[in-house]
Amino acid sequence: MTIIKRQDGTNLKIALEGRLDTMTAPELEKELNASLDNADTLTLNFADLAYISSAGLRVLLSAHKVMSKKGGMKVVNVNEIVKEVFDVTGFADILTIE
């Protein structure tokens, strides 16, 4: 998985490429832990994310909890495969997906 991070003031944007799974979720978690203190909003771009596992969902839920106390978090450009995982797990009801 590739993580592309861009910070514009307190707006953090992260694009993910590849697979967010058991092997790569710790990498994203580490990046978010290092970055969220300086962010009021978080946008996750999933245009090039091919797959997400339960380990990836756990990282998203953790980030959502942190960002819900700030300016919020949204997920954009979700493909059908990832959208189906969000629908089946109920994450579609929890996350802001655009």
N, C-alpha and C. Protein backbone atom coordinates (compact mmCIF):
# COMPACT_ATOMS: atom_id res chain seq x y z
N MET A 1 0.84 -1.17 0.00
CA MET A 1 0.00 0.00 0.00
C MET A 1 0.89 1.24 0.00
N THR A 2 0.44 2.24 -0.72
CA THR A 2 1.12 3.52 -0.76
C THR A 2 0.23 4.56 -0.09
N ILE A 3 0.85 5.38 0.77
CA ILE A 3 0.15 6.46 1.47
C ILE A 3 0.68 7.78 0.93
N ILE A 4 -0.20 8.59 0.40
CA ILE A 4 0.17 9.91 -0.10
C ILE A 4 -0.51 10.93 0.80
N LYS A 5 0.31 11.70 1.53
CA LYS A 5 -0.20 12.65 2.53
C LYS A 5 0.03 14.07 2.06
N ARG A 6 -1.00 14.90 2.25
CA ARG A 6 -0.88 16.32 1.96
C ARG A 6 -1.58 17.09 3.07
N GLN A 7 -0.89 18.06 3.63
CA GLN A 7 -1.49 18.87 4.70
C GLN A 7 -1.58 20.31 4.21
N ASP A 8 -2.78 20.86 4.29
CA ASP A 8 -3.03 22.25 3.93
C ASP A 8 -3.56 22.95 5.17
N GLY A 9 -2.66 23.55 5.94
CA GLY A 9 -3.05 24.13 7.22
C GLY A 9 -3.45 23.01 8.17
N THR A 10 -4.70 23.05 8.62
CA THR A 10 -5.19 22.00 9.52
C THR A 10 -6.03 20.96 8.79
N ASN A 11 -6.05 21.04 7.45
CA ASN A 11 -6.77 20.07 6.64
C ASN A 11 -5.80 19.00 6.15
N LEU A 12 -5.98 17.78 6.64
CA LEU A 12 -5.12 16.66 6.26
C LEU A 12 -5.83 15.83 5.21
N LYS A 13 -5.12 15.55 4.11
CA LYS A 13 -5.66 14.71 3.05
C LYS A 13 -4.71 13.54 2.84
N ILE A 14 -5.27 12.34 2.87
CA ILE A 14 -4.48 11.13 2.67
C ILE A 14 -5.13 10.29 1.58
N ALA A 15 -4.34 9.95 0.58
CA ALA A 15 -4.79 9.06 -0.49
C ALA A 15 -4.10 7.71 -0.30
N LEU A 16 -4.87 6.66 -0.46
CA LEU A 16 -4.33 5.31 -0.31
C LEU A 16 -4.38 4.58 -1.64
N GLU A 17 -3.30 3.87 -1.94
CA GLU A 17 -3.24 3.05 -3.15
C GLU A 17 -2.90 1.62 -2.76
N GLY A 18 -3.63 0.67 -3.32
CA GLY A 18 -3.34 -0.74 -3.05
C GLY A 18 -4.34 -1.38 -2.12
N ARG A 19 -3.83 -2.14 -1.14
CA ARG A 19 -4.68 -2.91 -0.23
C ARG A 19 -4.46 -2.44 1.21
N LEU A 20 -5.57 -2.18 1.90
CA LEU A 20 -5.52 -1.86 3.33
C LEU A 20 -5.96 -3.11 4.07
N ASP A 21 -4.98 -3.87 4.55
CA ASP A 21 -5.27 -5.16 5.17
C ASP A 21 -4.40 -5.35 6.41
N THR A 22 -4.34 -6.57 6.90
CA THR A 22 -3.60 -6.87 8.13
C THR A 22 -2.14 -6.46 8.03
N MET A 23 -1.57 -6.59 6.87
CA MET A 23 -0.15 -6.27 6.69
C MET A 23 0.10 -4.76 6.61
N THR A 24 -0.85 -4.01 6.04
CA THR A 24 -0.60 -2.58 5.79
C THR A 24 -1.31 -1.65 6.77
N ALA A 25 -2.31 -2.14 7.49
CA ALA A 25 -3.05 -1.30 8.42
C ALA A 25 -2.15 -0.65 9.48
N PRO A 26 -1.16 -1.36 10.03
CA PRO A 26 -0.28 -0.71 11.02
C PRO A 26 0.48 0.50 10.46
N GLU A 27 0.80 0.45 9.18
CA GLU A 27 1.48 1.58 8.52
C GLU A 27 0.57 2.81 8.49
N LEU A 28 -0.70 2.60 8.11
CA LEU A 28 -1.65 3.72 8.10
C LEU A 28 -1.91 4.22 9.51
N GLU A 29 -2.05 3.30 10.45
CA GLU A 29 -2.28 3.69 11.84
C GLU A 29 -1.14 4.55 12.37
N LYS A 30 0.08 4.17 12.05
CA LYS A 30 1.25 4.93 12.49
C LYS A 30 1.24 6.33 11.88
N GLU A 31 0.92 6.42 10.60
CA GLU A 31 0.86 7.72 9.91
C GLU A 31 -0.23 8.61 10.50
N LEU A 32 -1.39 8.04 10.77
CA LEU A 32 -2.48 8.82 11.35
C LEU A 32 -2.15 9.27 12.76
N ASN A 33 -1.58 8.40 13.56
CA ASN A 33 -1.21 8.77 14.93
C ASN A 33 -0.23 9.93 14.95
N ALA A 34 0.66 9.96 13.97
CA ALA A 34 1.65 11.03 13.89
C ALA A 34 1.08 12.33 13.33
N SER A 35 -0.04 12.25 12.63
CA SER A 35 -0.55 13.41 11.89
C SER A 35 -1.82 14.04 12.45
N LEU A 36 -2.65 13.28 13.16
CA LEU A 36 -3.97 13.79 13.53
C LEU A 36 -3.95 14.91 14.56
N ASP A 37 -2.90 14.98 15.38
CA ASP A 37 -2.84 16.06 16.36
C ASP A 37 -2.82 17.43 15.70
N ASN A 38 -2.25 17.51 14.51
CA ASN A 38 -2.13 18.78 13.79
C ASN A 38 -3.24 19.00 12.78
N ALA A 39 -4.28 18.19 12.82
CA ALA A 39 -5.35 18.28 11.83
C ALA A 39 -6.71 18.52 12.50
N ASP A 40 -7.49 19.39 11.87
CA ASP A 40 -8.87 19.60 12.31
C ASP A 40 -9.85 18.81 11.45
N THR A 41 -9.46 18.56 10.19
CA THR A 41 -10.27 17.75 9.29
C THR A 41 -9.39 16.72 8.60
N LEU A 42 -9.99 15.59 8.28
CA LEU A 42 -9.28 14.51 7.59
C LEU A 42 -10.12 14.05 6.41
N THR A 43 -9.50 14.01 5.24
CA THR A 43 -10.13 13.47 4.04
C THR A 43 -9.29 12.28 3.57
N LEU A 44 -9.94 11.14 3.46
CA LEU A 44 -9.28 9.93 2.97
C LEU A 44 -9.77 9.67 1.55
N ASN A 45 -8.84 9.66 0.60
CA ASN A 45 -9.18 9.42 -0.80
C ASN A 45 -8.91 7.96 -1.13
N PHE A 46 -9.97 7.23 -1.45
CA PHE A 46 -9.87 5.80 -1.73
C PHE A 46 -9.98 5.48 -3.21
N ALA A 47 -9.71 6.44 -4.09
CA ALA A 47 -9.84 6.22 -5.53
C ALA A 47 -9.01 5.03 -6.01
N ASP A 48 -7.83 4.84 -5.41
CA ASP A 48 -6.95 3.76 -5.84
C ASP A 48 -6.79 2.66 -4.80
N LEU A 49 -7.75 2.59 -3.86
CA LEU A 49 -7.74 1.52 -2.86
C LEU A 49 -8.50 0.32 -3.42
N ALA A 50 -7.82 -0.80 -3.54
CA ALA A 50 -8.41 -1.98 -4.17
C ALA A 50 -9.16 -2.87 -3.19
N TYR A 51 -8.79 -2.81 -1.89
CA TYR A 51 -9.34 -3.77 -0.93
C TYR A 51 -9.18 -3.20 0.48
N ILE A 52 -10.14 -3.51 1.35
CA ILE A 52 -10.02 -3.16 2.76
C ILE A 52 -10.48 -4.34 3.61
N SER A 53 -9.70 -4.66 4.63
CA SER A 53 -10.03 -5.78 5.53
C SER A 53 -10.53 -5.24 6.86
N SER A 54 -10.84 -6.13 7.77
CA SER A 54 -11.29 -5.72 9.10
C SER A 54 -10.20 -4.94 9.84
N ALA A 55 -8.95 -5.25 9.57
CA ALA A 55 -7.85 -4.49 10.19
C ALA A 55 -7.87 -3.04 9.70
N GLY A 56 -8.14 -2.86 8.44
CA GLY A 56 -8.27 -1.51 7.88
C GLY A 56 -9.47 -0.78 8.44
N LEU A 57 -10.57 -1.49 8.62
CA LEU A 57 -11.78 -0.89 9.20
C LEU A 57 -11.52 -0.42 10.63
N ARG A 58 -10.74 -1.19 11.37
CA ARG A 58 -10.42 -0.81 12.75
C ARG A 58 -9.65 0.51 12.77
N VAL A 59 -8.70 0.68 11.85
CA VAL A 59 -7.93 1.92 11.77
C VAL A 59 -8.85 3.09 11.42
N LEU A 60 -9.77 2.87 10.49
CA LEU A 60 -10.72 3.93 10.12
C LEU A 60 -11.60 4.32 11.29
N LEU A 61 -12.08 3.33 12.04
CA LEU A 61 -12.93 3.62 13.19
C LEU A 61 -12.18 4.42 14.24
N SER A 62 -10.95 4.07 14.49
CA SER A 62 -10.13 4.80 15.45
C SER A 62 -9.93 6.25 15.01
N ALA A 63 -9.61 6.46 13.74
CA ALA A 63 -9.44 7.81 13.21
C ALA A 63 -10.75 8.59 13.29
N HIS A 64 -11.86 7.91 12.99
CA HIS A 64 -13.18 8.56 13.04
C HIS A 64 -13.49 9.05 14.45
N LYS A 65 -13.16 8.24 15.45
CA LYS A 65 -13.41 8.64 16.84
C LYS A 65 -12.62 9.89 17.20
N VAL A 66 -11.37 9.95 16.79
CA VAL A 66 -10.53 11.11 17.07
C VAL A 66 -11.06 12.35 16.34
N MET A 67 -11.36 12.19 15.06
CA MET A 67 -11.75 13.34 14.24
C MET A 67 -13.17 13.81 14.53
N SER A 68 -14.02 12.96 15.08
CA SER A 68 -15.39 13.39 15.41
C SER A 68 -15.39 14.42 16.53
N LYS A 69 -14.31 14.48 17.30
CA LYS A 69 -14.18 15.48 18.36
C LYS A 69 -13.59 16.78 17.82
N LYS A 70 -13.20 16.76 16.56
CA LYS A 70 -12.60 17.93 15.91
C LYS A 70 -13.53 18.37 14.79
N GLY A 71 -12.97 18.61 13.61
CA GLY A 71 -13.76 19.10 12.47
C GLY A 71 -14.39 18.01 11.64
N GLY A 72 -13.99 16.76 11.86
CA GLY A 72 -14.62 15.65 11.14
C GLY A 72 -13.71 14.95 10.17
N MET A 73 -14.23 13.85 9.65
CA MET A 73 -13.50 13.00 8.71
C MET A 73 -14.45 12.57 7.61
N LYS A 74 -13.95 12.54 6.37
CA LYS A 74 -14.77 12.02 5.27
C LYS A 74 -13.92 11.13 4.39
N VAL A 75 -14.60 10.22 3.73
CA VAL A 75 -13.96 9.29 2.80
C VAL A 75 -14.52 9.59 1.42
N VAL A 76 -13.64 9.79 0.45
CA VAL A 76 -14.08 10.15 -0.90
C VAL A 76 -13.58 9.13 -1.92
N ASN A 77 -14.27 9.10 -3.06
CA ASN A 77 -13.89 8.26 -4.20
C ASN A 77 -13.82 6.77 -3.84
N VAL A 78 -14.86 6.28 -3.19
CA VAL A 78 -14.91 4.88 -2.78
C VAL A 78 -15.41 4.02 -3.94
N ASN A 79 -14.65 2.99 -4.29
CA ASN A 79 -15.08 2.11 -5.38
C ASN A 79 -16.13 1.12 -4.88
N GLU A 80 -16.69 0.36 -5.78
CA GLU A 80 -17.79 -0.56 -5.45
C GLU A 80 -17.37 -1.67 -4.49
N ILE A 81 -16.16 -2.17 -4.62
CA ILE A 81 -15.69 -3.26 -3.75
C ILE A 81 -15.61 -2.77 -2.30
N VAL A 82 -14.99 -1.63 -2.09
CA VAL A 82 -14.86 -1.08 -0.74
C VAL A 82 -16.22 -0.63 -0.23
N LYS A 83 -17.04 -0.04 -1.11
CA LYS A 83 -18.39 0.40 -0.70
C LYS A 83 -19.21 -0.78 -0.20
N GLU A 84 -19.09 -1.92 -0.85
CA GLU A 84 -19.82 -3.12 -0.41
C GLU A 84 -19.38 -3.55 0.99
N VAL A 85 -18.08 -3.49 1.27
CA VAL A 85 -17.58 -3.81 2.60
C VAL A 85 -18.17 -2.84 3.62
N PHE A 86 -18.19 -1.54 3.29
CA PHE A 86 -18.78 -0.54 4.18
C PHE A 86 -20.26 -0.82 4.42
N ASP A 87 -20.99 -1.20 3.38
CA ASP A 87 -22.42 -1.49 3.52
C ASP A 87 -22.67 -2.71 4.41
N VAL A 88 -21.94 -3.79 4.16
CA VAL A 88 -22.14 -5.04 4.89
C VAL A 88 -21.78 -4.89 6.37
N THR A 89 -20.73 -4.11 6.66
CA THR A 89 -20.26 -3.97 8.04
C THR A 89 -20.96 -2.86 8.82
N GLY A 90 -21.76 -2.04 8.13
CA GLY A 90 -22.42 -0.92 8.79
C GLY A 90 -21.58 0.34 8.83
N PHE A 91 -20.38 0.30 8.28
CA PHE A 91 -19.54 1.49 8.24
C PHE A 91 -20.13 2.58 7.37
N ALA A 92 -20.97 2.21 6.41
CA ALA A 92 -21.62 3.20 5.56
C ALA A 92 -22.51 4.12 6.40
N ASP A 93 -23.01 3.62 7.52
CA ASP A 93 -23.85 4.41 8.41
C ASP A 93 -23.04 5.24 9.39
N ILE A 94 -21.79 4.88 9.58
CA ILE A 94 -20.93 5.57 10.57
C ILE A 94 -20.11 6.67 9.90
N LEU A 95 -19.51 6.34 8.75
CA LEU A 95 -18.60 7.26 8.08
C LEU A 95 -19.33 8.23 7.16
N THR A 96 -18.73 9.39 6.93
CA THR A 96 -19.20 10.31 5.91
C THR A 96 -18.50 9.93 4.62
N ILE A 97 -19.29 9.43 3.65
CA ILE A 97 -18.74 8.95 2.39
C ILE A 97 -19.27 9.82 1.26
N GLU A 98 -18.37 10.36 0.49
CA GLU A 98 -18.76 11.22 -0.65
C GLU A 98 -18.27 10.63 -1.94
